[in-house]
Amino acid sequence: MSRGRTSGLVPLLLGVLVGVGLLLWGLDRLAREAAESLLAEELQQATGAVQPPTVEIEGGPVLLQALRGRYDAVEVTMQQISNGPLTLDGVQAGLRGVHLSLHDLIVRDADAVVVERTATEARLGYDALDRYLGFTGRQLTVGPAGPGEVRVAGKGQVLDRSYRASAVAPVDAAAAALVVRPTGLRSEPALEGTAELLATERLGFRVPLDLLPFGREITGIEVGGDAVTVRTTGSGVVLRD
């Protein structure tokens, strides 16, 4: 082969490589947009999120992940998940090993999305918590009191005596629920004995977290200025419409 013909092939090969690279880049971008869009739709339907969640696929080339039907890492941000009287202000989740077949991606419909492992942070605002307690018949207000503790206040009647009371309580976890058990009651008028015990008990409550979409094993609770943040994990999570 002559030197002239060889030198002429170099730009041609470079052009082919650039063209293939651009094609793969374009296909990867299309795969990303399609997968993120479908996952957002499926997650919204499965969780009852008020707005479509923000979904970001991470890891290696998305096209390869789409072809094998498994996405290494998916970050999800949701606003206002509701289930009955309880509303979460926001949820951030890291999903690892998200299974969504190529067929489901092409037809834009999935019967279920299976997730191998999850780590979630869910925010339960005090306003939403007060509304939940009111819906369940307990006219209480809840706010921050210090590290790991909330202050619960309410009024009622015990042993034919009307009162207003408040108490500080740690926020604990038990069986996929938040549990608040007040101590150190302060009341007007002052209550003693059986009346104090009954009033203290009425300030306590339990909040089931059945609406948590990505696993309900509670690993941590943080009491903040405007919300209680609940951290959970899960494995083998199946999300259905």
Protein backbone atom coordinates (compact mmCIF):
# COMPACT_ATOMS: atom_id res chain seq x y z
CA MET A 1 0.00 0.00 0.00
CA SER A 2 1.41 3.37 -0.94
CA ARG A 3 2.23 6.04 1.58
CA GLY A 4 -0.40 8.31 0.10
CA ARG A 5 -3.16 5.76 0.45
CA THR A 6 -2.08 5.01 4.06
CA SER A 7 -2.13 8.65 5.03
CA GLY A 8 -5.58 8.96 3.49
CA LEU A 9 -6.95 6.11 5.61
CA VAL A 10 -5.96 7.74 8.89
CA PRO A 11 -8.50 10.60 8.71
CA LEU A 12 -11.12 8.10 7.52
CA LEU A 13 -10.53 5.80 10.50
CA LEU A 14 -10.51 8.74 12.88
CA GLY A 15 -13.78 9.90 11.38
CA VAL A 16 -15.30 6.44 11.81
CA LEU A 17 -14.14 6.26 15.44
CA VAL A 18 -15.50 9.70 16.18
CA GLY A 19 -18.79 8.80 14.50
CA VAL A 20 -19.09 5.56 16.48
CA GLY A 21 -18.24 7.40 19.68
CA LEU A 22 -20.89 10.03 19.03
CA LEU A 23 -23.42 7.33 18.19
CA LEU A 24 -22.72 5.46 21.42
CA TRP A 25 -22.85 8.71 23.39
CA GLY A 26 -26.20 9.52 21.85
CA LEU A 27 -27.57 6.04 22.52
CA ASP A 28 -26.32 6.18 26.11
CA ARG A 29 -28.03 9.54 26.61
CA LEU A 30 -31.29 8.22 25.17
CA ALA A 31 -31.07 5.15 27.40
CA ARG A 32 -30.49 7.37 30.43
CA GLU A 33 -33.43 9.65 29.66
CA ALA A 34 -35.75 6.73 28.95
CA ALA A 35 -34.75 4.76 32.07
CA GLU A 36 -34.87 7.76 34.42
CA SER A 37 -38.25 8.82 33.04
CA LEU A 38 -39.79 5.34 33.34
CA LEU A 39 -38.37 4.81 36.84
CA ALA A 40 -39.81 8.18 37.91
CA GLU A 41 -43.24 7.16 36.61
CA GLU A 42 -43.12 3.73 38.24
CA LEU A 43 -41.86 5.06 41.58
CA GLN A 44 -44.52 7.76 41.68
CA GLN A 45 -47.28 5.23 41.05
CA ALA A 46 -45.86 2.75 43.55
CA THR A 47 -45.31 5.23 46.38
CA GLY A 48 -48.13 7.74 46.02
CA ALA A 49 -45.74 10.68 45.65
CA VAL A 50 -47.61 13.92 44.94
CA GLN A 51 -45.07 14.97 42.29
CA PRO A 52 -42.87 12.87 39.99
CA PRO A 53 -39.62 12.10 41.80
CA THR A 54 -36.20 13.18 40.60
CA VAL A 55 -34.26 10.11 39.45
CA GLU A 56 -30.55 10.01 38.61
CA ILE A 57 -28.82 6.86 37.39
CA GLU A 58 -25.18 6.57 38.40
CA GLY A 59 -22.44 4.06 37.78
CA GLY A 60 -21.05 2.95 34.39
CA PRO A 61 -22.53 3.56 30.92
CA VAL A 62 -26.31 3.55 31.23
CA LEU A 63 -26.71 1.82 27.86
CA LEU A 64 -24.89 -1.26 29.15
CA GLN A 65 -26.95 -1.21 32.34
CA ALA A 66 -30.15 -0.98 30.30
CA LEU A 67 -29.11 -3.90 28.10
CA ARG A 68 -28.58 -6.16 31.09
CA GLY A 69 -31.72 -4.89 32.88
CA ARG A 70 -29.92 -3.94 36.10
CA TYR A 71 -28.89 -0.46 37.20
CA ASP A 72 -26.02 -0.30 39.66
CA ALA A 73 -26.97 2.86 41.56
CA VAL A 74 -30.02 5.11 41.39
CA GLU A 75 -30.51 8.24 43.49
CA VAL A 76 -34.12 9.27 44.13
CA THR A 77 -35.55 12.48 45.60
CA MET A 78 -39.28 12.66 46.38
CA GLN A 79 -41.57 15.36 47.72
CA GLN A 80 -44.67 14.74 49.83
CA ILE A 81 -45.48 11.06 49.97
CA SER A 82 -48.95 10.52 51.42
CA ASN A 83 -50.74 7.46 52.70
CA GLY A 84 -54.01 8.13 54.49
CA PRO A 85 -53.60 10.81 57.18
CA LEU A 86 -49.79 10.75 57.26
CA THR A 87 -47.61 12.77 54.88
CA LEU A 88 -43.84 12.73 54.58
CA ASP A 89 -42.35 16.09 53.59
CA GLY A 90 -39.56 14.52 51.58
CA VAL A 91 -37.66 11.31 50.91
CA GLN A 92 -34.13 10.80 49.61
CA ALA A 93 -33.15 7.26 48.71
CA GLY A 94 -30.10 5.49 47.39
CA LEU A 95 -31.10 2.37 45.49
CA ARG A 96 -28.51 -0.28 44.66
CA GLY A 97 -29.16 -3.02 42.12
CA VAL A 98 -32.38 -1.79 40.48
CA HIS A 99 -33.89 -4.41 38.17
CA LEU A 100 -35.84 -3.08 35.18
CA SER A 101 -35.81 -5.26 32.07
CA LEU A 102 -34.95 -3.93 28.62
CA HIS A 103 -38.37 -5.11 27.42
CA ASP A 104 -40.11 -3.04 30.10
CA LEU A 105 -37.99 -0.05 29.15
CA ILE A 106 -38.88 -0.38 25.46
CA VAL A 107 -42.64 -0.81 26.03
CA ARG A 108 -42.61 1.88 28.75
CA ASP A 109 -44.39 -0.31 31.29
CA ALA A 110 -43.20 -2.43 34.21
CA ASP A 111 -45.23 -4.74 36.41
CA ALA A 112 -42.68 -4.33 39.20
CA VAL A 113 -39.33 -2.78 39.99
CA VAL A 114 -37.08 -4.91 42.21
CA VAL A 115 -34.34 -3.26 44.28
CA GLU A 116 -31.57 -5.28 45.91
CA ARG A 117 -30.58 -2.77 48.62
CA THR A 118 -31.86 0.60 49.78
CA ALA A 119 -30.84 3.40 52.13
CA THR A 120 -33.42 6.11 52.79
CA GLU A 121 -33.83 9.39 54.66
CA ALA A 122 -37.45 10.48 55.22
CA ARG A 123 -38.51 13.83 56.72
CA LEU A 124 -41.63 13.99 58.88
CA GLY A 125 -42.43 17.65 59.53
CA TYR A 126 -44.02 18.73 62.80
CA ASP A 127 -46.99 20.30 61.00
CA ALA A 128 -47.64 17.01 59.20
CA LEU A 129 -47.23 15.15 62.49
CA ASP A 130 -49.74 17.45 64.23
CA ARG A 131 -52.25 16.88 61.40
CA TYR A 132 -51.80 13.12 61.70
CA LEU A 133 -52.37 13.21 65.45
CA GLY A 134 -55.45 15.40 65.00
CA PHE A 135 -56.86 13.03 62.38
CA THR A 136 -56.43 10.12 64.79
CA GLY A 137 -58.27 11.96 67.56
CA ARG A 138 -55.37 13.38 69.56
CA GLN A 139 -55.23 17.16 69.73
CA LEU A 140 -51.51 17.42 70.40
CA THR A 141 -48.74 19.65 69.11
CA VAL A 142 -45.17 18.44 68.68
CA GLY A 143 -41.93 20.39 68.37
CA PRO A 144 -38.21 19.98 68.95
CA ALA A 145 -36.92 19.89 72.52
CA GLY A 146 -33.26 18.89 72.17
CA PRO A 147 -31.06 16.13 70.76
CA GLY A 148 -33.26 13.10 70.14
CA GLU A 149 -36.23 14.58 71.98
CA VAL A 150 -39.48 16.37 71.19
CA ARG A 151 -41.86 18.40 73.30
CA VAL A 152 -45.49 17.29 73.25
CA ALA A 153 -48.27 19.59 74.42
CA GLY A 154 -52.01 19.20 74.71
CA LYS A 155 -55.07 19.68 76.84
CA GLY A 156 -57.78 17.41 78.11
CA GLN A 157 -59.74 16.19 81.06
CA VAL A 158 -58.81 13.52 83.54
CA LEU A 159 -60.79 12.44 86.61
CA ASP A 160 -63.21 15.34 85.97
CA ARG A 161 -60.34 17.85 85.97
CA SER A 162 -59.46 19.96 82.93
CA TYR A 163 -55.77 20.61 82.33
CA ARG A 164 -53.11 21.86 79.93
CA ALA A 165 -49.88 19.91 79.89
CA SER A 166 -46.58 19.42 78.13
CA ALA A 167 -43.76 16.93 78.43
CA VAL A 168 -40.41 16.10 76.87
CA ALA A 169 -40.09 12.71 75.21
CA PRO A 170 -37.39 10.77 73.40
CA VAL A 171 -38.23 9.57 69.88
CA ASP A 172 -37.59 5.85 69.60
CA ALA A 173 -38.19 3.19 66.96
CA ALA A 174 -40.10 -0.06 67.32
CA ALA A 175 -41.50 -2.41 64.67
CA ALA A 176 -41.35 0.09 61.75
CA ALA A 177 -42.89 2.89 63.81
CA LEU A 178 -41.89 6.00 65.71
CA VAL A 179 -42.68 5.77 69.40
CA VAL A 180 -42.93 8.79 71.73
CA ARG A 181 -43.19 8.13 75.49
CA PRO A 182 -43.26 11.39 77.48
CA THR A 183 -41.71 11.92 80.90
CA GLY A 184 -41.58 14.84 83.31
CA LEU A 185 -45.11 16.21 82.88
CA ARG A 186 -45.75 19.90 83.40
CA SER A 187 -49.39 20.84 83.78
CA GLU A 188 -51.77 23.62 84.76
CA PRO A 189 -53.21 23.02 87.24
CA ALA A 190 -50.63 20.66 88.70
CA LEU A 191 -51.60 17.02 88.54
CA GLU A 192 -50.49 14.31 90.91
CA GLY A 193 -50.81 10.57 91.35
CA THR A 194 -53.19 8.75 89.02
CA ALA A 195 -54.22 11.95 87.24
CA GLU A 196 -50.59 12.75 86.39
CA LEU A 197 -49.96 9.22 85.11
CA LEU A 198 -53.05 9.31 82.89
CA ALA A 199 -52.25 12.75 81.49
CA THR A 200 -48.66 11.71 80.76
CA GLU A 201 -49.86 8.58 78.98
CA ARG A 202 -52.22 10.63 76.79
CA LEU A 203 -49.31 12.72 75.54
CA GLY A 204 -47.61 9.60 74.19
CA PHE A 205 -48.20 8.26 70.70
CA ARG A 206 -47.00 5.88 68.02
CA VAL A 207 -46.65 6.68 64.30
CA PRO A 208 -46.63 3.65 61.95
CA LEU A 209 -44.31 4.18 58.99
CA ASP A 210 -46.06 1.86 56.57
CA LEU A 211 -45.81 4.46 53.81
CA LEU A 212 -42.00 4.31 53.71
CA PRO A 213 -41.44 3.02 50.17
CA PHE A 214 -37.89 1.65 50.23
CA GLY A 215 -37.58 -0.47 53.34
CA ARG A 216 -38.70 -0.02 56.94
CA GLU A 217 -35.78 -1.18 59.04
CA ILE A 218 -35.08 1.98 61.04
CA THR A 219 -31.36 2.64 61.50
CA GLY A 220 -31.43 6.16 62.91
CA ILE A 221 -33.64 9.05 64.04
CA GLU A 222 -32.66 12.72 64.08
CA VAL A 223 -34.79 15.40 65.72
CA GLY A 224 -34.33 18.67 63.81
CA GLY A 225 -35.71 22.16 64.09
CA ASP A 226 -38.55 21.62 61.61
CA ALA A 227 -38.79 17.84 61.15
CA VAL A 228 -37.90 14.41 62.43
CA THR A 229 -35.62 12.60 59.98
CA VAL A 230 -35.91 8.83 59.88
CA ARG A 231 -33.15 6.73 58.30
CA THR A 232 -34.05 3.26 57.06
CA THR A 233 -32.62 0.41 55.03
CA GLY A 234 -34.18 -2.40 53.05
CA SER A 235 -33.29 -5.40 50.92
CA GLY A 236 -35.18 -7.26 48.23
CA VAL A 237 -37.69 -4.40 47.93
CA VAL A 238 -40.42 -4.92 45.32
CA LEU A 239 -42.26 -1.84 44.06
CA ARG A 240 -45.55 -2.36 42.25
CA ASP A 241 -48.04 0.05 40.73
